[in-house]
Amino acid sequence: MSANKALSDLTIEELNKKKKKSTAVMLSFGIVMCVAIVVLVYLAFKTKKYALSGIPASLFCLFIPIYVNYAQINQEIKSRQSSKG
């Protein structure tokens, strides 16, 4: 299977696998991101380097592509299910 296969070329089973994988990536990245935010905010106030507190805000920008991919997969699954029924 090609890594750059379009979502419209995938079967329903492949889309469901991709959705599960995307969910796992989103969840694991979210957990790591939350831990990083807590640590950075704690360090920012403990060391009085308040510029560190701006880094957690930028971490959300890294989360956007993961969420967009997840939303596209869900949209493709829903469109196929609605065309079946």
N, C-alpha and C. Protein backbone atom coordinates (compact mmCIF):
# COMPACT_ATOMS: atom_id res chain seq x y z
N MET A 1 0.84 -1.18 0.00
CA MET A 1 0.00 0.00 0.00
C MET A 1 0.89 1.24 0.00
N SER A 2 0.58 2.15 -0.85
CA SER A 2 1.34 3.39 -0.96
C SER A 2 1.00 4.30 0.22
N ALA A 3 2.02 4.97 0.72
CA ALA A 3 1.81 5.88 1.85
C ALA A 3 1.06 7.14 1.43
N ASN A 4 1.14 7.49 0.15
CA ASN A 4 0.50 8.71 -0.33
C ASN A 4 -0.81 8.44 -1.05
N LYS A 5 -1.47 7.36 -0.74
CA LYS A 5 -2.73 7.02 -1.37
C LYS A 5 -3.82 7.99 -0.90
N ALA A 6 -4.60 8.49 -1.83
CA ALA A 6 -5.67 9.42 -1.49
C ALA A 6 -6.75 8.70 -0.69
N LEU A 7 -7.43 9.45 0.16
CA LEU A 7 -8.48 8.85 0.98
C LEU A 7 -9.59 8.25 0.13
N SER A 8 -9.87 8.85 -1.00
CA SER A 8 -10.94 8.35 -1.86
C SER A 8 -10.58 7.02 -2.51
N ASP A 9 -9.29 6.69 -2.55
CA ASP A 9 -8.85 5.42 -3.13
C ASP A 9 -8.84 4.28 -2.13
N LEU A 10 -9.00 4.58 -0.86
CA LEU A 10 -8.95 3.55 0.18
C LEU A 10 -10.30 2.88 0.34
N THR A 11 -10.26 1.63 0.80
CA THR A 11 -11.51 0.92 1.10
C THR A 11 -11.99 1.35 2.48
N ILE A 12 -13.22 0.96 2.81
CA ILE A 12 -13.78 1.29 4.14
C ILE A 12 -12.93 0.67 5.25
N GLU A 13 -12.47 -0.56 5.04
CA GLU A 13 -11.64 -1.21 6.06
C GLU A 13 -10.33 -0.44 6.27
N GLU A 14 -9.72 -0.01 5.17
CA GLU A 14 -8.48 0.75 5.27
C GLU A 14 -8.73 2.11 5.94
N LEU A 15 -9.87 2.72 5.63
CA LEU A 15 -10.21 3.99 6.28
C LEU A 15 -10.41 3.81 7.78
N ASN A 16 -11.06 2.72 8.17
CA ASN A 16 -11.26 2.47 9.60
C ASN A 16 -9.94 2.23 10.31
N LYS A 17 -9.01 1.51 9.66
CA LYS A 17 -7.68 1.29 10.25
C LYS A 17 -6.95 2.62 10.39
N LYS A 18 -7.04 3.43 9.34
CA LYS A 18 -6.38 4.74 9.36
C LYS A 18 -6.99 5.63 10.44
N LYS A 19 -8.30 5.53 10.64
CA LYS A 19 -8.97 6.32 11.67
C LYS A 19 -8.50 5.90 13.06
N LYS A 20 -8.38 4.58 13.29
CA LYS A 20 -7.91 4.09 14.58
C LYS A 20 -6.47 4.55 14.84
N LYS A 21 -5.64 4.48 13.80
CA LYS A 21 -4.25 4.90 13.94
C LYS A 21 -4.17 6.40 14.21
N SER A 22 -4.99 7.16 13.52
CA SER A 22 -5.00 8.61 13.70
C SER A 22 -5.50 8.97 15.10
N THR A 23 -6.49 8.23 15.59
CA THR A 23 -7.00 8.46 16.94
C THR A 23 -5.90 8.18 17.97
N ALA A 24 -5.16 7.10 17.77
CA ALA A 24 -4.08 6.76 18.69
C ALA A 24 -2.98 7.82 18.67
N VAL A 25 -2.64 8.31 17.49
CA VAL A 25 -1.62 9.35 17.38
C VAL A 25 -2.10 10.62 18.07
N MET A 26 -3.36 10.98 17.83
CA MET A 26 -3.91 12.19 18.43
C MET A 26 -3.93 12.08 19.96
N LEU A 27 -4.33 10.94 20.46
CA LEU A 27 -4.40 10.74 21.91
C LEU A 27 -3.01 10.77 22.53
N SER A 28 -2.06 10.05 21.93
CA SER A 28 -0.71 10.02 22.51
C SER A 28 -0.03 11.38 22.42
N PHE A 29 -0.19 12.07 21.30
CA PHE A 29 0.39 13.40 21.18
C PHE A 29 -0.28 14.36 22.16
N GLY A 30 -1.57 14.22 22.36
CA GLY A 30 -2.28 15.07 23.30
C GLY A 30 -1.78 14.88 24.72
N ILE A 31 -1.52 13.65 25.10
CA ILE A 31 -1.01 13.37 26.44
C ILE A 31 0.38 13.96 26.61
N VAL A 32 1.24 13.73 25.62
CA VAL A 32 2.60 14.28 25.69
C VAL A 32 2.55 15.80 25.72
N MET A 33 1.66 16.39 24.92
CA MET A 33 1.54 17.84 24.87
C MET A 33 1.08 18.39 26.23
N CYS A 34 0.13 17.73 26.86
CA CYS A 34 -0.36 18.19 28.17
C CYS A 34 0.74 18.12 29.23
N VAL A 35 1.52 17.05 29.21
CA VAL A 35 2.62 16.92 30.16
C VAL A 35 3.65 18.02 29.91
N ALA A 36 3.96 18.27 28.64
CA ALA A 36 4.93 19.31 28.30
C ALA A 36 4.44 20.68 28.73
N ILE A 37 3.15 20.93 28.58
CA ILE A 37 2.59 22.22 28.98
C ILE A 37 2.73 22.41 30.48
N VAL A 38 2.39 21.38 31.24
CA VAL A 38 2.48 21.48 32.70
C VAL A 38 3.92 21.72 33.13
N VAL A 39 4.85 20.96 32.55
CA VAL A 39 6.26 21.10 32.91
C VAL A 39 6.79 22.49 32.54
N LEU A 40 6.47 22.96 31.34
CA LEU A 40 6.97 24.26 30.91
C LEU A 40 6.39 25.42 31.72
N VAL A 41 5.12 25.33 32.06
CA VAL A 41 4.52 26.39 32.88
C VAL A 41 5.14 26.37 34.28
N TYR A 42 5.34 25.17 34.82
CA TYR A 42 5.98 25.06 36.14
C TYR A 42 7.39 25.65 36.11
N LEU A 43 8.16 25.29 35.09
CA LEU A 43 9.52 25.82 34.98
C LEU A 43 9.54 27.32 34.75
N ALA A 44 8.56 27.82 34.02
CA ALA A 44 8.50 29.25 33.76
C ALA A 44 8.33 30.03 35.05
N PHE A 45 7.47 29.55 35.93
CA PHE A 45 7.25 30.28 37.18
C PHE A 45 8.32 30.00 38.22
N LYS A 46 8.89 28.81 38.19
CA LYS A 46 9.92 28.48 39.17
C LYS A 46 11.22 29.23 38.87
N THR A 47 11.59 29.31 37.60
CA THR A 47 12.84 29.99 37.24
C THR A 47 12.63 31.47 36.94
N LYS A 48 11.40 31.92 36.96
CA LYS A 48 11.03 33.30 36.67
C LYS A 48 11.44 33.72 35.26
N LYS A 49 11.47 32.74 34.36
CA LYS A 49 11.68 33.02 32.93
C LYS A 49 10.32 32.86 32.26
N TYR A 50 9.54 33.91 32.30
CA TYR A 50 8.15 33.85 31.87
C TYR A 50 8.00 33.67 30.36
N ALA A 51 9.08 33.82 29.63
CA ALA A 51 9.02 33.58 28.18
C ALA A 51 8.76 32.11 27.88
N LEU A 52 9.11 31.24 28.80
CA LEU A 52 8.85 29.80 28.62
C LEU A 52 7.36 29.49 28.56
N SER A 53 6.55 30.34 29.14
CA SER A 53 5.11 30.07 29.15
C SER A 53 4.48 30.29 27.78
N GLY A 54 5.20 30.89 26.85
CA GLY A 54 4.69 31.05 25.49
C GLY A 54 4.85 29.81 24.64
N ILE A 55 5.76 28.95 25.00
CA ILE A 55 6.00 27.72 24.24
C ILE A 55 4.79 26.80 24.22
N PRO A 56 4.09 26.58 25.34
CA PRO A 56 2.92 25.70 25.29
C PRO A 56 1.85 26.16 24.29
N ALA A 57 1.72 27.45 24.12
CA ALA A 57 0.73 27.95 23.16
C ALA A 57 1.11 27.53 21.73
N SER A 58 2.39 27.48 21.45
CA SER A 58 2.83 27.10 20.11
C SER A 58 2.67 25.60 19.88
N LEU A 59 2.58 24.82 20.93
CA LEU A 59 2.40 23.38 20.77
C LEU A 59 1.06 23.04 20.13
N PHE A 60 0.08 23.90 20.33
CA PHE A 60 -1.23 23.66 19.72
C PHE A 60 -1.16 23.74 18.20
N CYS A 61 -0.22 24.52 17.68
CA CYS A 61 -0.06 24.61 16.22
C CYS A 61 0.40 23.27 15.64
N LEU A 62 1.13 22.50 16.40
CA LEU A 62 1.57 21.19 15.94
C LEU A 62 0.43 20.18 15.93
N PHE A 63 -0.57 20.44 16.71
CA PHE A 63 -1.70 19.52 16.83
C PHE A 63 -2.70 19.68 15.67
N ILE A 64 -2.70 20.84 15.03
CA ILE A 64 -3.68 21.15 13.98
C ILE A 64 -3.62 20.18 12.81
N PRO A 65 -2.45 19.87 12.22
CA PRO A 65 -2.44 18.93 11.08
C PRO A 65 -2.95 17.54 11.44
N ILE A 66 -2.66 17.10 12.65
CA ILE A 66 -3.14 15.79 13.09
C ILE A 66 -4.66 15.79 13.14
N TYR A 67 -5.24 16.86 13.69
CA TYR A 67 -6.69 16.95 13.79
C TYR A 67 -7.34 17.08 12.41
N VAL A 68 -6.73 17.84 11.52
CA VAL A 68 -7.29 18.01 10.17
C VAL A 68 -7.33 16.67 9.44
N ASN A 69 -6.26 15.88 9.56
CA ASN A 69 -6.23 14.56 8.94
C ASN A 69 -7.34 13.68 9.52
N TYR A 70 -7.51 13.71 10.82
CA TYR A 70 -8.56 12.93 11.47
C TYR A 70 -9.95 13.35 10.98
N ALA A 71 -10.16 14.64 10.85
CA ALA A 71 -11.46 15.14 10.38
C ALA A 71 -11.72 14.74 8.93
N GLN A 72 -10.68 14.73 8.09
CA GLN A 72 -10.84 14.33 6.70
C GLN A 72 -11.20 12.84 6.59
N ILE A 73 -10.59 12.03 7.43
CA ILE A 73 -10.90 10.60 7.43
C ILE A 73 -12.35 10.40 7.85
N ASN A 74 -12.78 11.07 8.91
CA ASN A 74 -14.17 10.96 9.36
C ASN A 74 -15.14 11.41 8.28
N GLN A 75 -14.81 12.49 7.60
CA GLN A 75 -15.68 13.01 6.54
C GLN A 75 -15.80 12.01 5.39
N GLU A 76 -14.69 11.37 5.02
CA GLU A 76 -14.72 10.37 3.95
C GLU A 76 -15.55 9.15 4.35
N ILE A 77 -15.42 8.71 5.59
CA ILE A 77 -16.20 7.57 6.08
C ILE A 77 -17.69 7.91 6.07
N LYS A 78 -18.04 9.10 6.57
CA LYS A 78 -19.44 9.51 6.60
C LYS A 78 -20.02 9.64 5.19
N SER A 79 -19.24 10.17 4.26
CA SER A 79 -19.75 10.33 2.90
C SER A 79 -19.99 8.97 2.24
N ARG A 80 -19.15 8.01 2.54
CA ARG A 80 -19.37 6.67 1.98
C ARG A 80 -20.55 5.96 2.62
N GLN A 81 -20.73 6.17 3.92
CA GLN A 81 -21.85 5.55 4.60
C GLN A 81 -23.18 6.15 4.14
N SER A 82 -23.19 7.45 3.86
CA SER A 82 -24.42 8.09 3.42
C SER A 82 -24.74 7.72 1.98
N SER A 83 -23.71 7.44 1.17
CA SER A 83 -23.98 7.05 -0.22
C SER A 83 -24.42 5.60 -0.31
N LYS A 84 -24.09 4.79 0.69
CA LYS A 84 -24.55 3.39 0.72
C LYS A 84 -26.04 3.31 1.04
N GLY A 85 -26.44 4.11 2.01
CA GLY A 85 -27.80 4.01 2.54
C GLY A 85 -28.79 4.77 1.82
